[in-house]
Amino acid sequence: MMTPKEKAEELIEKYYSLYEGIELSLARKHWAKRSALILVDEIILSRKDDSQFDDTLWAGGSDMYTMHPMYLNYWQEVKQEIEKL
């Protein structure tokens, strides 16, 4: 399972390749980032009703919980990571 940071980087990279016609790398990254944020905002909106559920999974054999990639908190963290890039 991807961490929120890894998912953020993957989304940016996918959108970055869509904007290959834009010559300036900074502009391409800007549009890739905006596109990824639109996607993540839509996912967050669709998952808003999940807030009453525990969105963690027990990581077998340890005391740690990991976020399930389909739940609200995971996508909120992905959004934060995109904003950092």
PDB file of N, CA and C in Angstrom:
ATOM      1  N   MET A   1       0.836  -1.177   0.000  1.00  0.00           N
ATOM      2  CA  MET A   1       0.000   0.000   0.000  1.00  0.00           C
ATOM      3  C   MET A   1       0.885   1.247   0.000  1.00  0.00           C
ATOM      4  N   MET A   2       0.492   2.230  -0.765  1.00  0.00           N
ATOM      5  CA  MET A   2       1.255   3.475  -0.858  1.00  0.00           C
ATOM      6  C   MET A   2       0.970   4.378   0.324  1.00  0.00           C
ATOM      7  N   THR A   3       1.994   5.061   0.757  1.00  0.00           N
ATOM      8  CA  THR A   3       1.803   6.090   1.773  1.00  0.00           C
ATOM      9  C   THR A   3       1.113   7.280   1.093  1.00  0.00           C
ATOM     10  N   PRO A   4       0.518   8.189   1.873  1.00  0.00           N
ATOM     11  CA  PRO A   4      -0.060   9.387   1.257  1.00  0.00           C
ATOM     12  C   PRO A   4       0.956  10.169   0.426  1.00  0.00           C
ATOM     13  N   LYS A   5       2.190  10.260   0.892  1.00  0.00           N
ATOM     14  CA  LYS A   5       3.214  10.986   0.151  1.00  0.00           C
ATOM     15  C   LYS A   5       3.512  10.307  -1.177  1.00  0.00           C
ATOM     16  N   GLU A   6       3.633   8.985  -1.177  1.00  0.00           N
ATOM     17  CA  GLU A   6       3.893   8.254  -2.413  1.00  0.00           C
ATOM     18  C   GLU A   6       2.733   8.428  -3.405  1.00  0.00           C
ATOM     19  N   LYS A   7       1.497   8.385  -2.901  1.00  0.00           N
ATOM     20  CA  LYS A   7       0.329   8.569  -3.764  1.00  0.00           C
ATOM     21  C   LYS A   7       0.316   9.980  -4.343  1.00  0.00           C
ATOM     22  N   ALA A   8       0.638  10.976  -3.519  1.00  0.00           N
ATOM     23  CA  ALA A   8       0.698  12.363  -3.997  1.00  0.00           C
ATOM     24  C   ALA A   8       1.719  12.491  -5.124  1.00  0.00           C
ATOM     25  N   GLU A   9       2.896  11.920  -4.934  1.00  0.00           N
ATOM     26  CA  GLU A   9       3.946  11.985  -5.953  1.00  0.00           C
ATOM     27  C   GLU A   9       3.516  11.260  -7.225  1.00  0.00           C
ATOM     28  N   GLU A  10       2.853  10.122  -7.086  1.00  0.00           N
ATOM     29  CA  GLU A  10       2.373   9.375  -8.249  1.00  0.00           C
ATOM     30  C   GLU A  10       1.353  10.188  -9.043  1.00  0.00           C
ATOM     31  N   LEU A  11       0.409  10.813  -8.355  1.00  0.00           N
ATOM     32  CA  LEU A  11      -0.606  11.610  -9.042  1.00  0.00           C
ATOM     33  C   LEU A  11       0.013  12.796  -9.772  1.00  0.00           C
ATOM     34  N   ILE A  12       0.928  13.490  -9.114  1.00  0.00           N
ATOM     35  CA  ILE A  12       1.596  14.631  -9.743  1.00  0.00           C
ATOM     36  C   ILE A  12       2.327  14.167 -11.004  1.00  0.00           C
ATOM     37  N   GLU A  13       3.027  13.060 -10.907  1.00  0.00           N
ATOM     38  CA  GLU A  13       3.778  12.549 -12.057  1.00  0.00           C
ATOM     39  C   GLU A  13       2.849  12.190 -13.218  1.00  0.00           C
ATOM     40  N   LYS A  14       1.724  11.575 -12.917  1.00  0.00           N
ATOM     41  CA  LYS A  14       0.766  11.213 -13.973  1.00  0.00           C
ATOM     42  C   LYS A  14       0.223  12.462 -14.665  1.00  0.00           C
ATOM     43  N   TYR A  15      -0.153  13.456 -13.903  1.00  0.00           N
ATOM     44  CA  TYR A  15      -0.673  14.684 -14.501  1.00  0.00           C
ATOM     45  C   TYR A  15       0.427  15.480 -15.189  1.00  0.00           C
ATOM     46  N   TYR A  16       1.629  15.432 -14.648  1.00  0.00           N
ATOM     47  CA  TYR A  16       2.756  16.152 -15.247  1.00  0.00           C
ATOM     48  C   TYR A  16       2.951  15.708 -16.696  1.00  0.00           C
ATOM     49  N   SER A  17       2.843  14.411 -16.926  1.00  0.00           N
ATOM     50  CA  SER A  17       3.047  13.894 -18.284  1.00  0.00           C
ATOM     51  C   SER A  17       1.940  14.345 -19.235  1.00  0.00           C
ATOM     52  N   LEU A  18       0.768  14.661 -18.725  1.00  0.00           N
ATOM     53  CA  LEU A  18      -0.326  15.143 -19.572  1.00  0.00           C
ATOM     54  C   LEU A  18      -0.058  16.537 -20.144  1.00  0.00           C
ATOM     55  N   TYR A  19       0.754  17.295 -19.440  1.00  0.00           N
ATOM     56  CA  TYR A  19       1.003  18.682 -19.829  1.00  0.00           C
ATOM     57  C   TYR A  19       2.343  18.843 -20.537  1.00  0.00           C
ATOM     58  N   GLU A  20       2.752  17.850 -21.303  1.00  0.00           N
ATOM     59  CA  GLU A  20       4.047  17.913 -21.958  1.00  0.00           C
ATOM     60  C   GLU A  20       4.135  19.027 -22.996  1.00  0.00           C
ATOM     61  N   GLY A  21       3.004  19.545 -23.459  1.00  0.00           N
ATOM     62  CA  GLY A  21       3.013  20.650 -24.409  1.00  0.00           C
ATOM     63  C   GLY A  21       3.394  21.980 -23.779  1.00  0.00           C
ATOM     64  N   ILE A  22       3.334  22.051 -22.472  1.00  0.00           N
ATOM     65  CA  ILE A  22       3.729  23.273 -21.766  1.00  0.00           C
ATOM     66  C   ILE A  22       5.234  23.222 -21.566  1.00  0.00           C
ATOM     67  N   GLU A  23       5.914  24.222 -22.087  1.00  0.00           N
ATOM     68  CA  GLU A  23       7.368  24.157 -22.129  1.00  0.00           C
ATOM     69  C   GLU A  23       8.052  24.400 -20.794  1.00  0.00           C
ATOM     70  N   LEU A  24       7.529  25.278 -19.990  1.00  0.00           N
ATOM     71  CA  LEU A  24       8.186  25.576 -18.724  1.00  0.00           C
ATOM     72  C   LEU A  24       7.863  24.507 -17.688  1.00  0.00           C
ATOM     73  N   SER A  25       8.881  23.928 -17.138  1.00  0.00           N
ATOM     74  CA  SER A  25       8.713  22.853 -16.160  1.00  0.00           C
ATOM     75  C   SER A  25       7.892  23.312 -14.963  1.00  0.00           C
ATOM     76  N   LEU A  26       8.117  24.536 -14.506  1.00  0.00           N
ATOM     77  CA  LEU A  26       7.387  25.061 -13.354  1.00  0.00           C
ATOM     78  C   LEU A  26       5.893  25.167 -13.653  1.00  0.00           C
ATOM     79  N   ALA A  27       5.552  25.606 -14.853  1.00  0.00           N
ATOM     80  CA  ALA A  27       4.140  25.705 -15.254  1.00  0.00           C
ATOM     81  C   ALA A  27       3.520  24.321 -15.354  1.00  0.00           C
ATOM     82  N   ARG A  28       4.267  23.357 -15.907  1.00  0.00           N
ATOM     83  CA  ARG A  28       3.754  21.982 -15.987  1.00  0.00           C
ATOM     84  C   ARG A  28       3.471  21.436 -14.597  1.00  0.00           C
ATOM     85  N   LYS A  29       4.392  21.671 -13.679  1.00  0.00           N
ATOM     86  CA  LYS A  29       4.195  21.172 -12.314  1.00  0.00           C
ATOM     87  C   LYS A  29       2.988  21.846 -11.671  1.00  0.00           C
ATOM     88  N   HIS A  30       2.828  23.138 -11.901  1.00  0.00           N
ATOM     89  CA  HIS A  30       1.695  23.874 -11.346  1.00  0.00           C
ATOM     90  C   HIS A  30       0.377  23.251 -11.813  1.00  0.00           C
ATOM     91  N   TRP A  31       0.248  23.017 -13.123  1.00  0.00           N
ATOM     92  CA  TRP A  31      -0.996  22.462 -13.659  1.00  0.00           C
ATOM     93  C   TRP A  31      -1.189  21.011 -13.246  1.00  0.00           C
ATOM     94  N   ALA A  32      -0.109  20.270 -13.146  1.00  0.00           N
ATOM     95  CA  ALA A  32      -0.210  18.883 -12.676  1.00  0.00           C
ATOM     96  C   ALA A  32      -0.697  18.850 -11.230  1.00  0.00           C
ATOM     97  N   LYS A  33      -0.159  19.738 -10.425  1.00  0.00           N
ATOM     98  CA  LYS A  33      -0.548  19.828  -9.021  1.00  0.00           C
ATOM     99  C   LYS A  33      -2.009  20.236  -8.882  1.00  0.00           C
ATOM    100  N   ARG A  34      -2.435  21.227  -9.655  1.00  0.00           N
ATOM    101  CA  ARG A  34      -3.843  21.660  -9.600  1.00  0.00           C
ATOM    102  C   ARG A  34      -4.782  20.541 -10.032  1.00  0.00           C
ATOM    103  N   SER A  35      -4.397  19.801 -11.055  1.00  0.00           N
ATOM    104  CA  SER A  35      -5.222  18.693 -11.531  1.00  0.00           C
ATOM    105  C   SER A  35      -5.339  17.602 -10.465  1.00  0.00           C
ATOM    106  N   ALA A  36      -4.216  17.266  -9.848  1.00  0.00           N
ATOM    107  CA  ALA A  36      -4.226  16.249  -8.804  1.00  0.00           C
ATOM    108  C   ALA A  36      -5.082  16.695  -7.624  1.00  0.00           C
ATOM    109  N   LEU A  37      -5.022  17.978  -7.278  1.00  0.00           N
ATOM    110  CA  LEU A  37      -5.844  18.495  -6.180  1.00  0.00           C
ATOM    111  C   LEU A  37      -7.331  18.423  -6.509  1.00  0.00           C
ATOM    112  N   ILE A  38      -7.688  18.701  -7.753  1.00  0.00           N
ATOM    113  CA  ILE A  38      -9.096  18.576  -8.159  1.00  0.00           C
ATOM    114  C   ILE A  38      -9.556  17.131  -7.976  1.00  0.00           C
ATOM    115  N   LEU A  39      -8.740  16.193  -8.428  1.00  0.00           N
ATOM    116  CA  LEU A  39      -9.071  14.779  -8.282  1.00  0.00           C
ATOM    117  C   LEU A  39      -9.249  14.399  -6.819  1.00  0.00           C
ATOM    118  N   VAL A  40      -8.290  14.772  -6.000  1.00  0.00           N
ATOM    119  CA  VAL A  40      -8.338  14.408  -4.581  1.00  0.00           C
ATOM    120  C   VAL A  40      -9.513  15.085  -3.885  1.00  0.00           C
ATOM    121  N   ASP A  41      -9.806  16.333  -4.238  1.00  0.00           N
ATOM    122  CA  ASP A  41     -10.976  17.002  -3.655  1.00  0.00           C
ATOM    123  C   ASP A  41     -12.262  16.254  -3.991  1.00  0.00           C
ATOM    124  N   GLU A  42     -12.366  15.747  -5.204  1.00  0.00           N
ATOM    125  CA  GLU A  42     -13.548  14.968  -5.591  1.00  0.00           C
ATOM    126  C   GLU A  42     -13.636  13.669  -4.795  1.00  0.00           C
ATOM    127  N   ILE A  43     -12.509  13.020  -4.588  1.00  0.00           N
ATOM    128  CA  ILE A  43     -12.502  11.784  -3.792  1.00  0.00           C
ATOM    129  C   ILE A  43     -12.898  12.096  -2.359  1.00  0.00           C
ATOM    130  N   ILE A  44     -12.342  13.164  -1.791  1.00  0.00           N
ATOM    131  CA  ILE A  44     -12.682  13.554  -0.421  1.00  0.00           C
ATOM    132  C   ILE A  44     -14.176  13.839  -0.315  1.00  0.00           C
ATOM    133  N   LEU A  45     -14.710  14.556  -1.272  1.00  0.00           N
ATOM    134  CA  LEU A  45     -16.136  14.860  -1.267  1.00  0.00           C
ATOM    135  C   LEU A  45     -16.968  13.573  -1.310  1.00  0.00           C
ATOM    136  N   SER A  46     -16.543  12.621  -2.118  1.00  0.00           N
ATOM    137  CA  SER A  46     -17.295  11.373  -2.229  1.00  0.00           C
ATOM    138  C   SER A  46     -17.171  10.500  -0.985  1.00  0.00           C
ATOM    139  N   ARG A  47     -16.114  10.713  -0.198  1.00  0.00           N
ATOM    140  CA  ARG A  47     -15.874   9.887   0.998  1.00  0.00           C
ATOM    141  C   ARG A  47     -16.290  10.583   2.285  1.00  0.00           C
ATOM    142  N   LYS A  48     -16.888  11.753   2.197  1.00  0.00           N
ATOM    143  CA  LYS A  48     -17.186  12.527   3.403  1.00  0.00           C
ATOM    144  C   LYS A  48     -18.086  11.782   4.377  1.00  0.00           C
ATOM    145  N   ASP A  49     -18.930  10.895   3.890  1.00  0.00           N
ATOM    146  CA  ASP A  49     -19.807  10.131   4.776  1.00  0.00           C
ATOM    147  C   ASP A  49     -19.060   9.042   5.547  1.00  0.00           C
ATOM    148  N   ASP A  50     -17.802   8.806   5.197  1.00  0.00           N
ATOM    149  CA  ASP A  50     -17.012   7.793   5.892  1.00  0.00           C
ATOM    150  C   ASP A  50     -16.462   8.288   7.224  1.00  0.00           C
ATOM    151  N   SER A  51     -16.663   9.541   7.539  1.00  0.00           N
ATOM    152  CA  SER A  51     -16.022  10.120   8.723  1.00  0.00           C
ATOM    153  C   SER A  51     -16.427   9.433  10.018  1.00  0.00           C
ATOM    154  N   GLN A  52     -17.577   8.762  10.051  1.00  0.00           N
ATOM    155  CA  GLN A  52     -17.984   8.096  11.284  1.00  0.00           C
ATOM    156  C   GLN A  52     -17.331   6.717  11.437  1.00  0.00           C
ATOM    157  N   PHE A  53     -16.639   6.248  10.407  1.00  0.00           N
ATOM    158  CA  PHE A  53     -16.010   4.937  10.474  1.00  0.00           C
ATOM    159  C   PHE A  53     -14.553   5.060  10.876  1.00  0.00           C
ATOM    160  N   ASP A  54     -14.046   4.010  11.496  1.00  0.00           N
ATOM    161  CA  ASP A  54     -12.625   3.939  11.803  1.00  0.00           C
ATOM    162  C   ASP A  54     -11.905   3.655  10.487  1.00  0.00           C
ATOM    163  N   ASP A  55     -11.113   4.589  10.021  1.00  0.00           N
ATOM    164  CA  ASP A  55     -10.476   4.399   8.720  1.00  0.00           C
ATOM    165  C   ASP A  55      -9.037   3.909   8.846  1.00  0.00           C
ATOM    166  N   THR A  56      -8.805   3.081   9.816  1.00  0.00           N
ATOM    167  CA  THR A  56      -7.494   2.475   9.962  1.00  0.00           C
ATOM    168  C   THR A  56      -7.636   0.964   9.898  1.00  0.00           C
ATOM    169  N   LEU A  57      -6.591   0.340   9.514  1.00  0.00           N
ATOM    170  CA  LEU A  57      -6.533  -1.120   9.491  1.00  0.00           C
ATOM    171  C   LEU A  57      -5.450  -1.553  10.468  1.00  0.00           C
ATOM    172  N   TRP A  58      -5.703  -2.630  11.143  1.00  0.00           N
ATOM    173  CA  TRP A  58      -4.697  -3.167  12.046  1.00  0.00           C
ATOM    174  C   TRP A  58      -3.563  -3.737  11.224  1.00  0.00           C
ATOM    175  N   ALA A  59      -2.370  -3.287  11.486  1.00  0.00           N
ATOM    176  CA  ALA A  59      -1.197  -3.826  10.802  1.00  0.00           C
ATOM    177  C   ALA A  59      -0.761  -5.061  11.575  1.00  0.00           C
ATOM    178  N   GLY A  60      -1.044  -6.207  11.044  1.00  0.00           N
ATOM    179  CA  GLY A  60      -0.783  -7.472  11.737  1.00  0.00           C
ATOM    180  C   GLY A  60       0.605  -7.573  12.323  1.00  0.00           C
ATOM    181  N   GLY A  61       0.665  -8.050  13.547  1.00  0.00           N
ATOM    182  CA  GLY A  61       1.940  -8.266  14.201  1.00  0.00           C
ATOM    183  C   GLY A  61       2.593  -7.020  14.756  1.00  0.00           C
ATOM    184  N   SER A  62       1.888  -5.905  14.752  1.00  0.00           N
ATOM    185  CA  SER A  62       2.487  -4.699  15.319  1.00  0.00           C
ATOM    186  C   SER A  62       1.418  -3.898  16.043  1.00  0.00           C
ATOM    187  N   ASP A  63       1.848  -2.876  16.718  1.00  0.00           N
ATOM    188  CA  ASP A  63       0.918  -2.010  17.439  1.00  0.00           C
ATOM    189  C   ASP A  63       0.515  -0.804  16.601  1.00  0.00           C
ATOM    190  N   MET A  64       0.830  -0.841  15.337  1.00  0.00           N
ATOM    191  CA  MET A  64       0.568   0.326  14.498  1.00  0.00           C
ATOM    192  C   MET A  64      -0.675   0.122  13.655  1.00  0.00           C
ATOM    193  N   TYR A  65      -1.328   1.216  13.372  1.00  0.00           N
ATOM    194  CA  TYR A  65      -2.453   1.218  12.457  1.00  0.00           C
ATOM    195  C   TYR A  65      -1.994   1.851  11.158  1.00  0.00           C
ATOM    196  N   THR A  66      -2.526   1.374  10.055  1.00  0.00           N
ATOM    197  CA  THR A  66      -2.242   2.000   8.768  1.00  0.00           C
ATOM    198  C   THR A  66      -3.560   2.427   8.154  1.00  0.00           C
ATOM    199  N   MET A  67      -3.526   3.520   7.428  1.00  0.00           N
ATOM    200  CA  MET A  67      -4.741   4.025   6.806  1.00  0.00           C
ATOM    201  C   MET A  67      -5.103   3.193   5.590  1.00  0.00           C
ATOM    202  N   HIS A  68      -6.362   2.919   5.451  1.00  0.00           N
ATOM    203  CA  HIS A  68      -6.860   2.231   4.266  1.00  0.00           C
ATOM    204  C   HIS A  68      -6.965   3.263   3.142  1.00  0.00           C
ATOM    205  N   PRO A  69      -6.509   2.926   1.931  1.00  0.00           N
ATOM    206  CA  PRO A  69      -6.480   3.925   0.858  1.00  0.00           C
ATOM    207  C   PRO A  69      -7.836   4.384   0.337  1.00  0.00           C
ATOM    208  N   MET A  70      -8.920   3.810   0.799  1.00  0.00           N
ATOM    209  CA  MET A  70     -10.223   4.245   0.317  1.00  0.00           C
ATOM    210  C   MET A  70     -10.954   5.131   1.315  1.00  0.00           C
ATOM    211  N   TYR A  71     -10.342   5.445   2.412  1.00  0.00           N
ATOM    212  CA  TYR A  71     -11.029   6.221   3.436  1.00  0.00           C
ATOM    213  C   TYR A  71     -10.610   7.681   3.453  1.00  0.00           C
ATOM    214  N   LEU A  72     -11.426   8.470   4.074  1.00  0.00           N
ATOM    215  CA  LEU A  72     -11.300   9.921   4.090  1.00  0.00           C
ATOM    216  C   LEU A  72      -9.945  10.417   4.591  1.00  0.00           C
ATOM    217  N   ASN A  73      -9.487   9.934   5.722  1.00  0.00           N
ATOM    218  CA  ASN A  73      -8.228  10.443   6.286  1.00  0.00           C
ATOM    219  C   ASN A  73      -7.044  10.223   5.344  1.00  0.00           C
ATOM    220  N   TYR A  74      -7.020   9.082   4.673  1.00  0.00           N
ATOM    221  CA  TYR A  74      -5.943   8.808   3.719  1.00  0.00           C
ATOM    222  C   TYR A  74      -5.899   9.894   2.653  1.00  0.00           C
ATOM    223  N   TRP A  75      -7.055  10.218   2.064  1.00  0.00           N
ATOM    224  CA  TRP A  75      -7.090  11.199   0.987  1.00  0.00           C
ATOM    225  C   TRP A  75      -6.845  12.613   1.491  1.00  0.00           C
ATOM    226  N   GLN A  76      -7.214  12.898   2.720  1.00  0.00           N
ATOM    227  CA  GLN A  76      -6.889  14.207   3.291  1.00  0.00           C
ATOM    228  C   GLN A  76      -5.380  14.356   3.433  1.00  0.00           C
ATOM    229  N   GLU A  77      -4.715  13.274   3.809  1.00  0.00           N
ATOM    230  CA  GLU A  77      -3.254  13.326   3.912  1.00  0.00           C
ATOM    231  C   GLU A  77      -2.607  13.403   2.535  1.00  0.00           C
ATOM    232  N   VAL A  78      -3.172  12.695   1.540  1.00  0.00           N
ATOM    233  CA  VAL A  78      -2.661  12.799   0.172  1.00  0.00           C
ATOM    234  C   VAL A  78      -2.737  14.255  -0.274  1.00  0.00           C
ATOM    235  N   LYS A  79      -3.850  14.917   0.008  1.00  0.00           N
ATOM    236  CA  LYS A  79      -4.008  16.327  -0.370  1.00  0.00           C
ATOM    237  C   LYS A  79      -2.930  17.185   0.287  1.00  0.00           C
ATOM    238  N   GLN A  80      -2.672  16.962   1.551  1.00  0.00           N
ATOM    239  CA  GLN A  80      -1.630  17.730   2.249  1.00  0.00           C
ATOM    240  C   GLN A  80      -0.265  17.507   1.602  1.00  0.00           C
ATOM    241  N   GLU A  81      -0.001  16.264   1.212  1.00  0.00           N
ATOM    242  CA  GLU A  81       1.296  15.971   0.573  1.00  0.00           C
ATOM    243  C   GLU A  81       1.402  16.635  -0.803  1.00  0.00           C
ATOM    244  N   ILE A  82       0.312  16.658  -1.551  1.00  0.00           N
ATOM    245  CA  ILE A  82       0.329  17.337  -2.854  1.00  0.00           C
ATOM    246  C   ILE A  82       0.638  18.816  -2.657  1.00  0.00           C
ATOM    247  N   GLU A  83      -0.010  19.415  -1.661  1.00  0.00           N
ATOM    248  CA  GLU A  83       0.204  20.832  -1.407  1.00  0.00           C
ATOM    249  C   GLU A  83       1.639  21.145  -1.022  1.00  0.00           C
ATOM    250  N   LYS A  84       2.336  20.191  -0.428  1.00  0.00           N
ATOM    251  CA  LYS A  84       3.748  20.381  -0.046  1.00  0.00           C
ATOM    252  C   LYS A  84       4.691  20.313  -1.248  1.00  0.00           C
ATOM    253  N   LEU A  85       4.273  19.608  -2.289  1.00  0.00           N
ATOM    254  CA  LEU A  85       5.172  19.397  -3.451  1.00  0.00           C
ATOM    255  C   LEU A  85       5.300  20.656  -4.293  1.00  0.00           C
TER     256      LEU A  85
END
